[in-house]
C-alpha atoms as a PDB file:
ATOM      1  CA  UNK A   1      22.146 144.785 132.047  1.00  0.00           C
ATOM      2  CA  UNK A   2      20.965 148.301 131.152  1.00  0.00           C
ATOM      3  CA  UNK A   3      17.602 148.855 129.470  1.00  0.00           C
ATOM      4  CA  UNK A   4      17.367 151.540 126.764  1.00  0.00           C
ATOM      5  CA  UNK A   5      13.840 152.626 125.818  1.00  0.00           C
ATOM      6  CA  UNK A   6      13.696 155.143 122.939  1.00  0.00           C
ATOM      7  CA  UNK A   7      10.362 156.744 122.105  1.00  0.00           C
ATOM      8  CA  UNK A   8      11.051 157.357 118.394  1.00  0.00           C
ATOM      9  CA  UNK A   9      13.025 155.949 115.487  1.00  0.00           C
ATOM     10  CA  UNK A  10      15.521 158.813 115.700  1.00  0.00           C
ATOM     11  CA  UNK A  11      16.091 158.144 119.388  1.00  0.00           C
ATOM     12  CA  UNK A  12      16.550 154.428 118.635  1.00  0.00           C
ATOM     13  CA  UNK A  13      19.239 155.148 116.036  1.00  0.00           C
ATOM     14  CA  UNK A  14      20.976 157.544 118.397  1.00  0.00           C
ATOM     15  CA  UNK A  15      20.968 154.927 121.165  1.00  0.00           C
ATOM     16  CA  UNK A  16      22.341 152.272 118.814  1.00  0.00           C
ATOM     17  CA  UNK A  17      25.084 154.654 117.659  1.00  0.00           C
ATOM     18  CA  UNK A  18      26.070 155.361 121.251  1.00  0.00           C
ATOM     19  CA  UNK A  19      25.868 151.688 122.271  1.00  0.00           C
ATOM     20  CA  UNK A  20      26.687 149.548 119.191  1.00  0.00           C
ATOM     21  CA  UNK A  21      26.598 146.326 121.249  1.00  0.00           C
ATOM     22  CA  UNK A  22      23.025 146.964 122.384  1.00  0.00           C
ATOM     23  CA  UNK A  23      20.721 144.085 121.440  1.00  0.00           C
ATOM     24  CA  UNK A  24      17.401 145.235 119.932  1.00  0.00           C
ATOM     25  CA  UNK A  25      14.270 143.699 121.427  1.00  0.00           C
ATOM     26  CA  UNK A  26      10.751 144.103 120.059  1.00  0.00           C
ATOM     27  CA  UNK A  27       8.646 140.948 120.178  1.00  0.00           C
ATOM     28  CA  UNK A  28      11.373 139.320 122.248  1.00  0.00           C
ATOM     29  CA  UNK A  29      10.458 135.826 121.072  1.00  0.00           C
ATOM     30  CA  UNK A  30      14.083 135.035 120.164  1.00  0.00           C
ATOM     31  CA  UNK A  31      16.056 137.344 122.456  1.00  0.00           C
ATOM     32  CA  UNK A  32      14.289 136.422 125.684  1.00  0.00           C
ATOM     33  CA  UNK A  33      14.794 132.710 125.071  1.00  0.00           C
ATOM     34  CA  UNK A  34      18.553 133.256 124.760  1.00  0.00           C
ATOM     35  CA  UNK A  35      18.626 135.447 127.877  1.00  0.00           C
ATOM     36  CA  UNK A  36      16.482 133.070 129.938  1.00  0.00           C
ATOM     37  CA  UNK A  37      18.753 130.136 129.078  1.00  0.00           C
ATOM     38  CA  UNK A  38      21.819 132.285 129.751  1.00  0.00           C
ATOM     39  CA  UNK A  39      23.036 131.874 126.172  1.00  0.00           C
ATOM     40  CA  UNK A  40      23.360 135.625 125.885  1.00  0.00           C
ATOM     41  CA  UNK A  41      23.966 138.309 128.492  1.00  0.00           C
ATOM     42  CA  UNK A  42      24.134 141.659 126.663  1.00  0.00           C
ATOM     43  CA  UNK A  43      25.330 144.801 128.377  1.00  0.00           C
ATOM     44  CA  UNK A  44      22.416 146.756 126.900  1.00  0.00           C
ATOM     45  CA  UNK A  45      18.923 145.860 125.698  1.00  0.00           C
ATOM     46  CA  UNK A  46      17.401 148.299 123.196  1.00  0.00           C
ATOM     47  CA  UNK A  47      13.614 148.158 123.591  1.00  0.00           C
ATOM     48  CA  UNK A  48      11.890 149.145 120.335  1.00  0.00           C
ATOM     49  CA  UNK A  49       8.299 148.630 121.465  1.00  0.00           C
ATOM     50  CA  UNK A  50       7.530 152.357 121.666  1.00  0.00           C
ATOM     51  CA  UNK A  51       8.711 153.023 118.077  1.00  0.00           C
ATOM     52  CA  UNK A  52       5.333 153.097 116.347  1.00  0.00           C
ATOM     53  CA  UNK A  53       6.785 153.328 112.834  1.00  0.00           C
ATOM     54  CA  UNK A  54       7.993 149.735 113.116  1.00  0.00           C
ATOM     55  CA  UNK A  55       4.406 148.451 113.481  1.00  0.00           C
ATOM     56  CA  UNK A  56       3.098 150.054 110.286  1.00  0.00           C
ATOM     57  CA  UNK A  57       2.836 148.701 106.756  1.00  0.00           C
ATOM     58  CA  UNK A  58       2.122 150.330 103.435  1.00  0.00           C
ATOM     59  CA  UNK A  59       0.754 148.657 100.311  1.00  0.00           C
ATOM     60  CA  UNK A  60       2.110 150.434  97.260  1.00  0.00           C
ATOM     61  CA  UNK A  61       1.415 149.971  93.587  1.00  0.00           C
ATOM     62  CA  UNK A  62       4.132 147.343  93.145  1.00  0.00           C
ATOM     63  CA  UNK A  63       5.368 146.387  96.613  1.00  0.00           C
ATOM     64  CA  UNK A  64       4.587 146.244 100.311  1.00  0.00           C
ATOM     65  CA  UNK A  65       6.695 148.080 102.873  1.00  0.00           C
ATOM     66  CA  UNK A  66       6.396 145.973 105.994  1.00  0.00           C
ATOM     67  CA  UNK A  67       7.540 147.474 109.292  1.00  0.00           C
ATOM     68  CA  UNK A  68      10.041 145.301 111.126  1.00  0.00           C
ATOM     69  CA  UNK A  69       7.744 144.755 114.121  1.00  0.00           C
ATOM     70  CA  UNK A  70       4.450 144.099 112.309  1.00  0.00           C
ATOM     71  CA  UNK A  71       3.178 140.935 114.053  1.00  0.00           C
ATOM     72  CA  UNK A  72       2.696 137.751 112.077  1.00  0.00           C
ATOM     73  CA  UNK A  73      -1.032 137.833 112.850  1.00  0.00           C
ATOM     74  CA  UNK A  74      -1.325 141.173 111.045  1.00  0.00           C
ATOM     75  CA  UNK A  75       0.382 139.694 107.980  1.00  0.00           C
ATOM     76  CA  UNK A  76      -2.031 136.750 108.046  1.00  0.00           C
ATOM     77  CA  UNK A  77      -5.094 138.971 108.485  1.00  0.00           C
ATOM     78  CA  UNK A  78      -4.240 141.895 106.200  1.00  0.00           C
ATOM     79  CA  UNK A  79      -1.640 140.913 103.599  1.00  0.00           C
ATOM     80  CA  UNK A  80      -2.632 137.444 102.467  1.00  0.00           C
ATOM     81  CA  UNK A  81      -3.412 138.587  98.915  1.00  0.00           C
ATOM     82  CA  UNK A  82      -0.279 140.690  98.470  1.00  0.00           C
ATOM     83  CA  UNK A  83       2.176 138.383 100.300  1.00  0.00           C
ATOM     84  CA  UNK A  84       0.688 134.871 100.154  1.00  0.00           C
ATOM     85  CA  UNK A  85       3.974 133.025 100.757  1.00  0.00           C
ATOM     86  CA  UNK A  86       4.827 135.075 103.842  1.00  0.00           C
ATOM     87  CA  UNK A  87       1.251 134.724 105.127  1.00  0.00           C
ATOM     88  CA  UNK A  88       1.512 130.932 104.851  1.00  0.00           C
ATOM     89  CA  UNK A  89       4.861 130.996 106.652  1.00  0.00           C
ATOM     90  CA  UNK A  90       3.339 133.177 109.374  1.00  0.00           C
ATOM     91  CA  UNK A  91       0.734 130.488 110.061  1.00  0.00           C
ATOM     92  CA  UNK A  92       3.500 128.053 111.014  1.00  0.00           C
ATOM     93  CA  UNK A  93       5.162 130.323 113.586  1.00  0.00           C
ATOM     94  CA  UNK A  94       4.960 128.842 117.083  1.00  0.00           C
ATOM     95  CA  UNK A  95       1.669 129.677 118.861  1.00  0.00           C
ATOM     96  CA  UNK A  96      -1.017 132.407 118.640  1.00  0.00           C
ATOM     97  CA  UNK A  97       0.639 134.266 121.520  1.00  0.00           C
ATOM     98  CA  UNK A  98       4.004 134.370 119.739  1.00  0.00           C
ATOM     99  CA  UNK A  99       2.409 135.236 116.394  1.00  0.00           C
ATOM    100  CA  UNK A 100       0.836 138.229 118.147  1.00  0.00           C
ATOM    101  CA  UNK A 101       4.257 139.400 119.365  1.00  0.00           C
ATOM    102  CA  UNK A 102       6.871 138.306 116.839  1.00  0.00           C
ATOM    103  CA  UNK A 103       7.637 139.969 113.519  1.00  0.00           C
ATOM    104  CA  UNK A 104       9.779 139.523 110.441  1.00  0.00           C
ATOM    105  CA  UNK A 105      12.373 141.989 111.732  1.00  0.00           C
ATOM    106  CA  UNK A 106      13.157 139.669 114.622  1.00  0.00           C
ATOM    107  CA  UNK A 107      13.671 136.709 112.280  1.00  0.00           C
ATOM    108  CA  UNK A 108      16.032 138.805 110.172  1.00  0.00           C
ATOM    109  CA  UNK A 109      17.918 140.191 113.154  1.00  0.00           C
ATOM    110  CA  UNK A 110      18.461 136.739 114.646  1.00  0.00           C
ATOM    111  CA  UNK A 111      19.287 135.327 111.179  1.00  0.00           C
ATOM    112  CA  UNK A 112      18.796 131.749 112.346  1.00  0.00           C
ATOM    113  CA  UNK A 113      18.743 129.345 109.383  1.00  0.00           C
ATOM    114  CA  UNK A 114      15.548 127.905 110.919  1.00  0.00           C
ATOM    115  CA  UNK A 115      13.648 131.228 110.945  1.00  0.00           C
ATOM    116  CA  UNK A 116      10.205 130.634 109.441  1.00  0.00           C
ATOM    117  CA  UNK A 117      10.051 133.846 107.395  1.00  0.00           C
ATOM    118  CA  UNK A 118      13.330 133.397 105.519  1.00  0.00           C
ATOM    119  CA  UNK A 119      12.268 130.947 102.758  1.00  0.00           C
ATOM    120  CA  UNK A 120       9.259 133.114 101.867  1.00  0.00           C
ATOM    121  CA  UNK A 121      11.379 136.294 101.784  1.00  0.00           C
ATOM    122  CA  UNK A 122      13.988 134.620  99.564  1.00  0.00           C
ATOM    123  CA  UNK A 123      11.342 133.292  97.175  1.00  0.00           C
ATOM    124  CA  UNK A 124       9.682 136.702  96.949  1.00  0.00           C
ATOM    125  CA  UNK A 125      12.976 138.557  96.370  1.00  0.00           C
ATOM    126  CA  UNK A 126      12.623 140.941  99.319  1.00  0.00           C
ATOM    127  CA  UNK A 127      14.868 143.846 100.305  1.00  0.00           C
ATOM    128  CA  UNK A 128      15.714 144.751 103.902  1.00  0.00           C
ATOM    129  CA  UNK A 129      15.615 148.450 104.849  1.00  0.00           C
ATOM    130  CA  UNK A 130      18.242 149.266 107.480  1.00  0.00           C
ATOM    131  CA  UNK A 131      19.493 152.562 108.858  1.00  0.00           C
ATOM    132  CA  UNK A 132      22.111 154.152 111.053  1.00  0.00           C
ATOM    133  CA  UNK A 133      22.341 157.627 112.566  1.00  0.00           C
ATOM    134  CA  UNK A 134      25.632 158.308 110.775  1.00  0.00           C
ATOM    135  CA  UNK A 135      25.032 156.898 107.266  1.00  0.00           C
ATOM    136  CA  UNK A 136      21.272 157.040 106.813  1.00  0.00           C
ATOM    137  CA  UNK A 137      19.169 154.379 105.105  1.00  0.00           C
ATOM    138  CA  UNK A 138      20.128 151.603 102.724  1.00  0.00           C
ATOM    139  CA  UNK A 139      18.382 148.603 101.142  1.00  0.00           C
ATOM    140  CA  UNK A 140      20.020 145.178 101.342  1.00  0.00           C
ATOM    141  CA  UNK A 141      18.816 142.546  98.840  1.00  0.00           C
ATOM    142  CA  UNK A 142      17.676 139.457 100.722  1.00  0.00           C
ATOM    143  CA  UNK A 143      20.200 137.339  98.794  1.00  0.00           C
ATOM    144  CA  UNK A 144      23.006 139.369 100.387  1.00  0.00           C
ATOM    145  CA  UNK A 145      21.563 139.625 103.871  1.00  0.00           C
ATOM    146  CA  UNK A 146      22.561 136.283 105.408  1.00  0.00           C
ATOM    147  CA  UNK A 147      26.322 136.070 105.933  1.00  0.00           C
ATOM    148  CA  UNK A 148      26.732 133.054 108.242  1.00  0.00           C
ATOM    149  CA  UNK A 149      25.154 131.045 111.030  1.00  0.00           C
ATOM    150  CA  UNK A 150      23.041 133.618 112.904  1.00  0.00           C
ATOM    151  CA  UNK A 151      24.970 136.410 111.195  1.00  0.00           C
ATOM    152  CA  UNK A 152      23.675 139.100 108.883  1.00  0.00           C
ATOM    153  CA  UNK A 153      24.896 142.080 106.874  1.00  0.00           C
ATOM    154  CA  UNK A 154      24.007 144.715 109.478  1.00  0.00           C
ATOM    155  CA  UNK A 155      26.725 147.072 110.659  1.00  0.00           C
ATOM    156  CA  UNK A 156      27.081 147.475 114.462  1.00  0.00           C
ATOM    157  CA  UNK A 157      25.244 150.811 114.491  1.00  0.00           C
ATOM    158  CA  UNK A 158      22.401 149.772 112.158  1.00  0.00           C
ATOM    159  CA  UNK A 159      18.828 148.733 112.916  1.00  0.00           C
ATOM    160  CA  UNK A 160      16.256 147.011 110.709  1.00  0.00           C
ATOM    161  CA  UNK A 161      13.389 149.363 109.946  1.00  0.00           C
ATOM    162  CA  UNK A 162      11.299 147.528 107.325  1.00  0.00           C
ATOM    163  CA  UNK A 163      11.199 144.898 104.609  1.00  0.00           C
ATOM    164  CA  UNK A 164      10.215 145.729 101.032  1.00  0.00           C
ATOM    165  CA  UNK A 165       8.469 142.847  99.277  1.00  0.00           C
ATOM    166  CA  UNK A 166       7.058 142.908  95.757  1.00  0.00           C
ATOM    167  CA  UNK A 167       3.359 142.118  95.614  1.00  0.00           C
ATOM    168  CA  UNK A 168       2.768 138.593  94.345  1.00  0.00           C
ATOM    169  CA  UNK A 169       2.192 138.425  90.591  1.00  0.00           C
ATOM    170  CA  UNK A 170       1.655 134.664  90.725  1.00  0.00           C
ATOM    171  CA  UNK A 171       1.035 131.780  93.131  1.00  0.00           C
ATOM    172  CA  UNK A 172       3.310 131.259  96.128  1.00  0.00           C
ATOM    173  CA  UNK A 173       3.616 128.352  98.540  1.00  0.00           C
ATOM    174  CA  UNK A 174       5.358 127.465 101.778  1.00  0.00           C
ATOM    175  CA  UNK A 175       5.928 124.131 103.454  1.00  0.00           C
ATOM    176  CA  UNK A 176       7.579 123.206 106.743  1.00  0.00           C
ATOM    177  CA  UNK A 177       8.564 119.958 108.443  1.00  0.00           C
ATOM    178  CA  UNK A 178       8.568 119.873 112.233  1.00  0.00           C
ATOM    179  CA  UNK A 179       8.530 117.297 114.978  1.00  0.00           C
ATOM    180  CA  UNK A 180       4.988 118.397 115.857  1.00  0.00           C
ATOM    181  CA  UNK A 181       2.324 120.761 114.496  1.00  0.00           C
ATOM    182  CA  UNK A 182       3.025 123.846 116.647  1.00  0.00           C
ATOM    183  CA  UNK A 183       5.611 125.438 118.928  1.00  0.00           C
ATOM    184  CA  UNK A 184       8.424 123.790 117.017  1.00  0.00           C
ATOM    185  CA  UNK A 185      11.637 124.837 115.289  1.00  0.00           C
ATOM    186  CA  UNK A 186      11.649 123.770 111.648  1.00  0.00           C
ATOM    187  CA  UNK A 187      13.479 120.568 110.775  1.00  0.00           C
ATOM    188  CA  UNK A 188      13.477 122.099 107.303  1.00  0.00           C
ATOM    189  CA  UNK A 189      11.280 124.475 105.313  1.00  0.00           C
ATOM    190  CA  UNK A 190      10.739 125.404 101.677  1.00  0.00           C
ATOM    191  CA  UNK A 191       9.256 128.420  99.924  1.00  0.00           C
ATOM    192  CA  UNK A 192       8.381 128.751  96.244  1.00  0.00           C
ATOM    193  CA  UNK A 193       7.112 131.713  94.227  1.00  0.00           C
ATOM    194  CA  UNK A 194       6.083 131.822  90.593  1.00  0.00           C
ATOM    195  CA  UNK A 195       6.691 135.156  88.886  1.00  0.00           C
ATOM    196  CA  UNK A 196       4.716 135.014  85.609  1.00  0.00           C
ATOM    197  CA  UNK A 197       5.519 138.628  84.719  1.00  0.00           C
ATOM    198  CA  UNK A 198       9.212 137.779  84.385  1.00  0.00           C
ATOM    199  CA  UNK A 199       8.589 134.073  83.667  1.00  0.00           C
ATOM    200  CA  UNK A 200      10.839 133.052  86.513  1.00  0.00           C
ATOM    201  CA  UNK A 201      10.664 130.920  89.632  1.00  0.00           C
ATOM    202  CA  UNK A 202      12.377 131.640  92.968  1.00  0.00           C
ATOM    203  CA  UNK A 203      12.927 129.328  95.898  1.00  0.00           C
ATOM    204  CA  UNK A 204      13.894 129.579  99.555  1.00  0.00           C
ATOM    205  CA  UNK A 205      15.198 126.822 101.829  1.00  0.00           C
ATOM    206  CA  UNK A 206      15.327 127.015 105.610  1.00  0.00           C
ATOM    207  CA  UNK A 207      17.047 124.908 108.270  1.00  0.00           C
ATOM    208  CA  UNK A 208      18.986 122.844 105.737  1.00  0.00           C
ATOM    209  CA  UNK A 209      22.217 124.855 105.412  1.00  0.00           C
ATOM    210  CA  UNK A 210      24.289 127.233 107.578  1.00  0.00           C
ATOM    211  CA  UNK A 211      22.131 130.072 106.273  1.00  0.00           C
ATOM    212  CA  UNK A 212      18.773 130.303 104.507  1.00  0.00           C
ATOM    213  CA  UNK A 213      19.535 129.630 100.827  1.00  0.00           C
ATOM    214  CA  UNK A 214      18.016 129.535  97.380  1.00  0.00           C
ATOM    215  CA  UNK A 215      18.216 126.481  95.128  1.00  0.00           C
ATOM    216  CA  UNK A 216      19.673 128.445  92.240  1.00  0.00           C
ATOM    217  CA  UNK A 217      20.502 125.488  89.988  1.00  0.00           C
ATOM    218  CA  UNK A 218      16.943 124.200  90.462  1.00  0.00           C
ATOM    219  CA  UNK A 219      15.541 127.614  89.578  1.00  0.00           C
ATOM    220  CA  UNK A 220      17.668 127.841  86.435  1.00  0.00           C
ATOM    221  CA  UNK A 221      16.641 124.349  85.356  1.00  0.00           C
ATOM    222  CA  UNK A 222      12.942 125.004  85.919  1.00  0.00           C
ATOM    223  CA  UNK A 223      13.036 128.423  84.276  1.00  0.00           C
ATOM    224  CA  UNK A 224      14.575 126.862  81.158  1.00  0.00           C
ATOM    225  CA  UNK A 225      12.200 123.875  81.176  1.00  0.00           C
ATOM    226  CA  UNK A 226       9.110 126.059  81.492  1.00  0.00           C
ATOM    227  CA  UNK A 227      10.285 128.367  78.723  1.00  0.00           C
ATOM    228  CA  UNK A 228      11.411 125.653  76.317  1.00  0.00           C
ATOM    229  CA  UNK A 229       8.204 123.665  76.830  1.00  0.00           C
ATOM    230  CA  UNK A 230       6.009 126.714  76.404  1.00  0.00           C
ATOM    231  CA  UNK A 231       4.394 125.986  79.763  1.00  0.00           C
ATOM    232  CA  UNK A 232       3.796 129.639  80.665  1.00  0.00           C
ATOM    233  CA  UNK A 233       1.714 130.033  77.495  1.00  0.00           C
ATOM    234  CA  UNK A 234       0.027 126.660  77.120  1.00  0.00           C
ATOM    235  CA  UNK A 235      -0.634 126.085  80.816  1.00  0.00           C
ATOM    236  CA  UNK A 236      -0.011 122.355  80.525  1.00  0.00           C
ATOM    237  CA  UNK A 237       0.675 120.135  83.514  1.00  0.00           C
ATOM    238  CA  UNK A 238       4.367 119.998  84.383  1.00  0.00           C
ATOM    239  CA  UNK A 239       5.727 116.571  83.466  1.00  0.00           C
ATOM    240  CA  UNK A 240       6.819 114.236  86.292  1.00  0.00           C
ATOM    241  CA  UNK A 241      10.391 114.164  84.957  1.00  0.00           C
ATOM    242  CA  UNK A 242      10.669 117.960  85.201  1.00  0.00           C
ATOM    243  CA  UNK A 243       9.209 117.966  88.715  1.00  0.00           C
ATOM    244  CA  UNK A 244      11.593 115.198  89.809  1.00  0.00           C
ATOM    245  CA  UNK A 245      14.657 116.939  88.409  1.00  0.00           C
ATOM    246  CA  UNK A 246      13.621 120.164  90.104  1.00  0.00           C
ATOM    247  CA  UNK A 247      13.170 118.332  93.411  1.00  0.00           C
ATOM    248  CA  UNK A 248      16.538 116.587  93.086  1.00  0.00           C
ATOM    249  CA  UNK A 249      18.306 119.893  92.420  1.00  0.00           C
ATOM    250  CA  UNK A 250      16.600 121.476  95.437  1.00  0.00           C
ATOM    251  CA  UNK A 251      17.857 118.602  97.596  1.00  0.00           C
ATOM    252  CA  UNK A 252      21.351 119.096  96.200  1.00  0.00           C
ATOM    253  CA  UNK A 253      21.272 122.779  97.203  1.00  0.00           C
ATOM    254  CA  UNK A 254      21.117 121.771 100.878  1.00  0.00           C
ATOM    255  CA  UNK A 255      24.114 121.553 103.179  1.00  0.00           C
ATOM    256  CA  UNK A 256      22.472 120.313 106.383  1.00  0.00           C
ATOM    257  CA  UNK A 257      23.708 118.898 109.669  1.00  0.00           C
ATOM    258  CA  UNK A 258      22.650 116.027 111.903  1.00  0.00           C
ATOM    259  CA  UNK A 259      21.059 117.261 115.122  1.00  0.00           C
ATOM    260  CA  UNK A 260      18.378 116.304 117.639  1.00  0.00           C
ATOM    261  CA  UNK A 261      15.611 117.421 115.261  1.00  0.00           C
ATOM    262  CA  UNK A 262      16.677 115.411 112.211  1.00  0.00           C
ATOM    263  CA  UNK A 263      19.511 113.927 110.209  1.00  0.00           C
ATOM    264  CA  UNK A 264      21.187 115.574 107.246  1.00  0.00           C
ATOM    265  CA  UNK A 265      19.962 112.862 104.887  1.00  0.00           C
ATOM    266  CA  UNK A 266      16.377 113.271 106.101  1.00  0.00           C
ATOM    267  CA  UNK A 267      16.545 117.027 105.590  1.00  0.00           C
ATOM    268  CA  UNK A 268      17.770 116.614 102.006  1.00  0.00           C
ATOM    269  CA  UNK A 269      15.006 114.102 101.295  1.00  0.00           C
ATOM    270  CA  UNK A 270      12.316 116.258 102.920  1.00  0.00           C
ATOM    271  CA  UNK A 271      13.348 119.374 100.988  1.00  0.00           C
ATOM    272  CA  UNK A 272      13.041 117.406  97.753  1.00  0.00           C
ATOM    273  CA  UNK A 273       9.564 116.221  98.693  1.00  0.00           C
ATOM    274  CA  UNK A 274       8.469 119.741  99.643  1.00  0.00           C
ATOM    275  CA  UNK A 275       9.926 121.160  96.434  1.00  0.00           C
ATOM    276  CA  UNK A 276       7.974 118.710  94.280  1.00  0.00           C
ATOM    277  CA  UNK A 277       4.753 119.249  96.210  1.00  0.00           C
ATOM    278  CA  UNK A 278       4.915 123.047  96.303  1.00  0.00           C
ATOM    279  CA  UNK A 279       5.722 123.105  92.569  1.00  0.00           C
ATOM    280  CA  UNK A 280       2.637 120.986  91.913  1.00  0.00           C
ATOM    281  CA  UNK A 281       0.458 123.206  94.106  1.00  0.00           C
ATOM    282  CA  UNK A 282       1.667 126.513  92.682  1.00  0.00           C
ATOM    283  CA  UNK A 283       1.502 125.337  89.085  1.00  0.00           C
ATOM    284  CA  UNK A 284      -2.038 124.017  89.496  1.00  0.00           C
ATOM    285  CA  UNK A 285      -3.003 127.388  90.937  1.00  0.00           C
ATOM    286  CA  UNK A 286      -1.369 129.146  87.981  1.00  0.00           C
ATOM    287  CA  UNK A 287      -3.233 126.900  85.522  1.00  0.00           C
ATOM    288  CA  UNK A 288      -6.494 127.608  87.326  1.00  0.00           C
ATOM    289  CA  UNK A 289      -5.915 131.359  87.083  1.00  0.00           C
ATOM    290  CA  UNK A 290      -5.205 131.040  83.348  1.00  0.00           C
ATOM    291  CA  UNK A 291      -8.397 129.047  82.790  1.00  0.00           C
ATOM    292  CA  UNK A 292     -10.417 131.603  84.738  1.00  0.00           C
ATOM    293  CA  UNK A 293      -8.897 134.460  82.743  1.00  0.00           C
ATOM    294  CA  UNK A 294      -9.693 132.745  79.448  1.00  0.00           C
ATOM    295  CA  UNK A 295     -13.259 132.063  80.601  1.00  0.00           C
ATOM    296  CA  UNK A 296     -13.748 135.703  81.558  1.00  0.00           C
ATOM    297  CA  UNK A 297     -12.448 136.785  78.145  1.00  0.00           C
END
């Protein structure tokens, strides 16, 4: 196994162009596990730890550009207000040591359906910035990024540089079920984001289908119910029947498997429970913000 160690982003792209099979490694929290268990034996490892650009983030007027290697602890400490859903997801990642090493780029590169960041990125409507030496930079909408079990839309000569995520304009939540409280792969996970500016809701489901998915039918139902009931304007409590239908549709969006961590039926049930709970939490937060705004006026 050869070890490639570029010192800049340009050198990294050149190395990836010359060796398209090279496996990028930054935090190493996914790659090293596969190598240590002999599940993967790449010809080349492409070490990105010296590429400083990947560890930077920029808060713009409307969105955050998050470098692929920004550690989860930095997201938790510095971007909680702008990216609340992703910050909550970051809290659930493994242990403090791994949160200090791992980043969102690694989750995206591995594209495991159980990756903790995926539901939050789907709910927020992120875009993935990738680049190659030959074709330059392009943005891939998160909805188009996952193409199969541990497969993504990257071309062989492309690397992930950053993720672009719109700053939260409403409450966001994240919930995860695991066999214990830390150092655990998700049995299933759920992310929810309210977008009051567009009067829409987005979801993200992890570890309950071959890829991370959105519950699109549930979103469409809830968007219509909130609009027809005037909930965005009147700030009333969402009725139990609406919450139940939303939860049922989220469960129906799953296509899980039975494995050592949980059964398919349990995963469907758990996603429904998380969907109902996160909807309750986010909507109560939205109502509280409305009340505060009216009081200030």
